[in-house]
N, C-alpha and C. Protein backbone atom coordinates (compact mmCIF):
# COMPACT_ATOMS: atom_id res chain seq x y z
N MET A 1 41.85 117.87 334.46
CA MET A 1 41.43 116.65 335.19
C MET A 1 41.90 116.90 336.76
N ALA A 2 43.20 117.32 336.73
CA ALA A 2 43.83 117.40 337.87
C ALA A 2 43.06 118.54 338.98
N GLN A 3 42.55 119.55 338.38
CA GLN A 3 41.80 120.58 339.06
C GLN A 3 40.56 120.13 339.57
N ILE A 4 39.90 119.23 338.83
CA ILE A 4 38.52 118.62 339.03
C ILE A 4 38.61 117.75 340.16
N LEU A 5 39.72 116.95 340.20
CA LEU A 5 40.02 115.95 341.11
C LEU A 5 40.69 116.45 342.39
N ASP A 6 41.06 117.76 342.36
CA ASP A 6 41.47 118.38 343.54
C ASP A 6 43.12 118.04 343.87
N VAL A 7 43.72 117.67 342.71
CA VAL A 7 45.20 117.09 342.69
C VAL A 7 45.95 118.18 342.15
N GLU A 8 47.19 118.17 342.75
CA GLU A 8 48.14 119.25 342.42
C GLU A 8 48.72 118.80 340.99
N PRO A 9 48.42 119.66 340.12
CA PRO A 9 48.78 119.47 338.54
C PRO A 9 50.11 118.73 338.32
N ASP A 10 51.19 118.98 338.93
CA ASP A 10 52.46 118.35 338.77
C ASP A 10 52.45 116.76 339.36
N ALA A 11 51.76 116.80 340.43
CA ALA A 11 51.67 115.36 340.96
C ALA A 11 50.62 114.41 340.19
N PHE A 12 49.63 115.05 339.58
CA PHE A 12 48.81 114.35 338.69
C PHE A 12 49.59 113.95 337.38
N ALA A 13 50.38 114.81 336.97
CA ALA A 13 50.99 114.47 335.67
C ALA A 13 52.00 113.29 335.86
N ALA A 14 52.67 113.54 336.94
CA ALA A 14 53.69 112.36 337.43
C ALA A 14 52.93 111.18 337.50
N ALA A 15 51.89 111.01 338.17
CA ALA A 15 51.21 109.78 338.32
C ALA A 15 50.53 109.24 337.03
N PHE A 16 49.95 110.09 336.37
CA PHE A 16 49.57 109.88 335.05
C PHE A 16 50.69 109.09 334.22
N GLU A 17 52.04 109.73 334.12
CA GLU A 17 53.01 109.33 333.32
C GLU A 17 53.55 107.99 333.98
N ALA A 18 53.58 107.86 335.34
CA ALA A 18 54.12 106.57 335.96
C ALA A 18 53.03 105.36 335.48
N THR A 19 51.81 105.62 335.23
CA THR A 19 51.05 104.49 334.98
C THR A 19 50.74 104.23 333.66
N ALA A 20 51.44 104.77 332.83
CA ALA A 20 51.29 104.55 331.45
C ALA A 20 51.19 103.05 330.95
N TYR A 21 52.14 102.29 331.31
CA TYR A 21 51.89 100.90 331.02
C TYR A 21 50.57 100.23 331.51
N GLU A 22 50.25 100.40 332.66
CA GLU A 22 49.07 100.11 333.54
C GLU A 22 47.86 100.45 332.72
N ARG A 23 47.89 101.66 332.36
CA ARG A 23 46.80 102.17 331.65
C ARG A 23 46.46 101.61 330.27
N PHE A 24 47.59 101.48 329.64
CA PHE A 24 47.42 100.88 328.22
C PHE A 24 47.10 99.54 328.31
N THR A 25 47.46 98.84 329.35
CA THR A 25 47.18 97.34 329.31
C THR A 25 45.69 97.28 329.92
N GLY A 26 45.16 98.28 330.58
CA GLY A 26 43.78 98.14 331.07
C GLY A 26 43.78 97.57 332.66
N LEU A 27 45.01 97.57 333.13
CA LEU A 27 44.94 97.12 334.68
C LEU A 27 44.13 97.60 335.55
N TYR A 28 43.76 98.98 335.61
CA TYR A 28 42.86 99.58 336.48
C TYR A 28 41.39 99.53 335.99
N GLY A 29 41.08 98.88 334.73
CA GLY A 29 39.71 98.85 334.28
C GLY A 29 39.34 100.04 333.46
N ASP A 30 38.02 100.57 333.77
CA ASP A 30 37.63 101.70 332.87
C ASP A 30 38.16 103.05 333.37
N LEU A 31 37.78 104.08 332.65
CA LEU A 31 38.46 105.35 332.83
C LEU A 31 38.25 105.94 334.12
N PRO A 32 37.00 105.76 334.71
CA PRO A 32 36.83 106.35 336.07
C PRO A 32 37.66 105.62 336.99
N SER A 33 37.89 104.17 337.04
CA SER A 33 38.85 103.61 337.88
C SER A 33 40.18 104.08 337.80
N THR A 34 40.42 104.00 336.43
CA THR A 34 42.09 104.58 336.18
C THR A 34 42.22 106.01 336.84
N LEU A 35 41.34 106.86 336.70
CA LEU A 35 41.35 108.16 337.30
C LEU A 35 41.31 108.25 338.81
N ARG A 36 40.58 107.33 339.46
CA ARG A 36 40.57 107.27 340.89
C ARG A 36 42.03 106.66 341.24
N GLU A 37 42.71 105.81 340.50
CA GLU A 37 43.79 105.35 340.93
C GLU A 37 44.89 106.22 340.88
N ILE A 38 44.93 107.09 339.70
CA ILE A 38 45.69 108.26 339.56
C ILE A 38 45.57 109.20 340.63
N ALA A 39 44.47 109.54 341.02
CA ALA A 39 44.21 110.64 342.05
C ALA A 39 44.69 109.88 343.46
N ARG A 40 44.44 108.55 343.56
CA ARG A 40 44.98 107.98 344.97
C ARG A 40 46.43 108.11 345.02
N ARG A 41 47.20 107.83 343.78
CA ARG A 41 48.52 107.92 343.82
C ARG A 41 49.06 109.27 344.22
N SER A 42 48.25 110.18 343.86
CA SER A 42 48.41 111.78 344.12
C SER A 42 48.04 112.28 345.34
N GLY A 43 47.54 111.29 346.23
CA GLY A 43 47.11 111.74 347.50
C GLY A 43 45.79 112.03 347.72
N ARG A 44 44.91 111.81 346.82
CA ARG A 44 43.56 112.14 347.06
C ARG A 44 42.63 110.91 346.89
N GLN A 45 41.45 111.14 347.43
CA GLN A 45 40.34 110.24 347.34
C GLN A 45 39.09 111.00 346.71
N PRO A 46 39.18 111.02 345.47
CA PRO A 46 37.92 111.88 344.71
C PRO A 46 36.70 111.24 344.93
N SER A 47 35.54 112.11 344.97
CA SER A 47 34.15 111.64 344.94
C SER A 47 33.73 111.10 343.74
N ASP A 48 32.67 110.40 343.71
CA ASP A 48 32.01 109.82 342.55
C ASP A 48 31.76 111.02 341.50
N ASP A 49 31.41 112.15 342.01
CA ASP A 49 30.94 113.21 341.27
C ASP A 49 32.38 113.84 340.58
N GLN A 50 33.30 113.97 341.18
CA GLN A 50 34.56 114.35 340.72
C GLN A 50 35.00 113.49 339.59
N LEU A 51 34.90 112.04 339.88
CA LEU A 51 35.39 111.20 338.74
C LEU A 51 34.51 111.33 337.58
N GLU A 52 33.26 111.59 337.79
CA GLU A 52 32.20 111.73 336.75
C GLU A 52 32.62 112.94 335.76
N GLN A 53 33.03 113.97 336.59
CA GLN A 53 33.45 115.15 335.77
C GLN A 53 34.86 114.97 335.14
N ALA A 54 35.70 114.46 335.67
CA ALA A 54 37.05 114.36 335.16
C ALA A 54 36.91 113.33 333.85
N THR A 55 36.11 112.24 334.18
CA THR A 55 35.94 111.48 333.07
C THR A 55 35.42 112.09 331.87
N ALA A 56 34.44 112.98 331.98
CA ALA A 56 33.83 113.66 331.01
C ALA A 56 34.82 114.72 330.27
N ALA A 57 35.66 115.27 331.05
CA ALA A 57 36.86 116.21 330.66
C ALA A 57 37.77 115.38 329.71
N ARG A 58 38.16 114.06 330.41
CA ARG A 58 39.19 113.44 329.59
C ARG A 58 38.70 112.99 328.33
N ARG A 59 37.34 112.57 328.35
CA ARG A 59 36.71 112.09 327.06
C ARG A 59 36.66 113.43 325.91
N ARG A 60 36.27 114.57 326.46
CA ARG A 60 36.22 115.61 325.67
C ARG A 60 37.62 116.07 324.99
N LEU A 61 38.59 115.87 325.76
CA LEU A 61 40.11 116.12 325.59
C LEU A 61 40.55 115.16 324.26
N ALA A 62 40.03 113.99 324.72
CA ALA A 62 40.49 113.04 323.75
C ALA A 62 39.68 113.23 322.26
N HIS A 63 38.48 113.30 322.39
CA HIS A 63 37.70 113.75 321.25
C HIS A 63 38.39 114.98 320.42
N THR A 64 38.71 115.92 321.09
CA THR A 64 39.17 117.10 320.50
C THR A 64 40.51 117.06 319.99
N SER A 65 41.30 116.21 320.80
CA SER A 65 42.69 115.92 320.23
C SER A 65 42.54 115.06 318.94
N SER A 66 41.88 113.96 318.97
CA SER A 66 41.98 113.17 317.83
C SER A 66 41.21 113.84 316.63
N SER A 67 40.25 114.68 316.85
CA SER A 67 39.46 115.29 315.77
C SER A 67 40.33 116.38 314.98
N GLU A 68 41.23 117.02 315.90
CA GLU A 68 42.18 117.98 315.37
C GLU A 68 43.33 117.42 314.55
N ALA A 69 43.44 116.16 315.04
CA ALA A 69 44.80 115.51 314.25
C ALA A 69 44.49 114.94 312.86
N LEU A 70 43.13 114.74 312.61
CA LEU A 70 42.71 114.27 311.33
C LEU A 70 42.84 115.36 310.21
N PRO A 71 43.19 114.86 309.22
CA PRO A 71 43.29 115.94 308.00
C PRO A 71 41.81 116.27 307.53
N ARG A 72 41.86 117.71 307.08
CA ARG A 72 40.55 118.10 306.68
C ARG A 72 40.47 117.88 305.24
N ARG A 73 39.25 117.42 304.83
CA ARG A 73 38.88 117.22 303.28
C ARG A 73 38.55 118.59 302.60
N ARG A 74 38.74 118.87 301.42
CA ARG A 74 38.12 119.90 301.01
C ARG A 74 37.28 119.63 299.78
């Protein structure tokens, strides 16, 4: 997501971590709005296209992570 949003990865990670409570409580609204805020805190103003791409990447990551965590039935 950091690369898509043109944000330095460590800055993105720090902003992502620093906003955990706000993200979990929905303070920033939907995912694109949340990613916009994290990028803003990292010194960037992403375009709508960048936000759309980063949102898709985050959703893929969440889907992959959660499906890998599920036990497989045999």
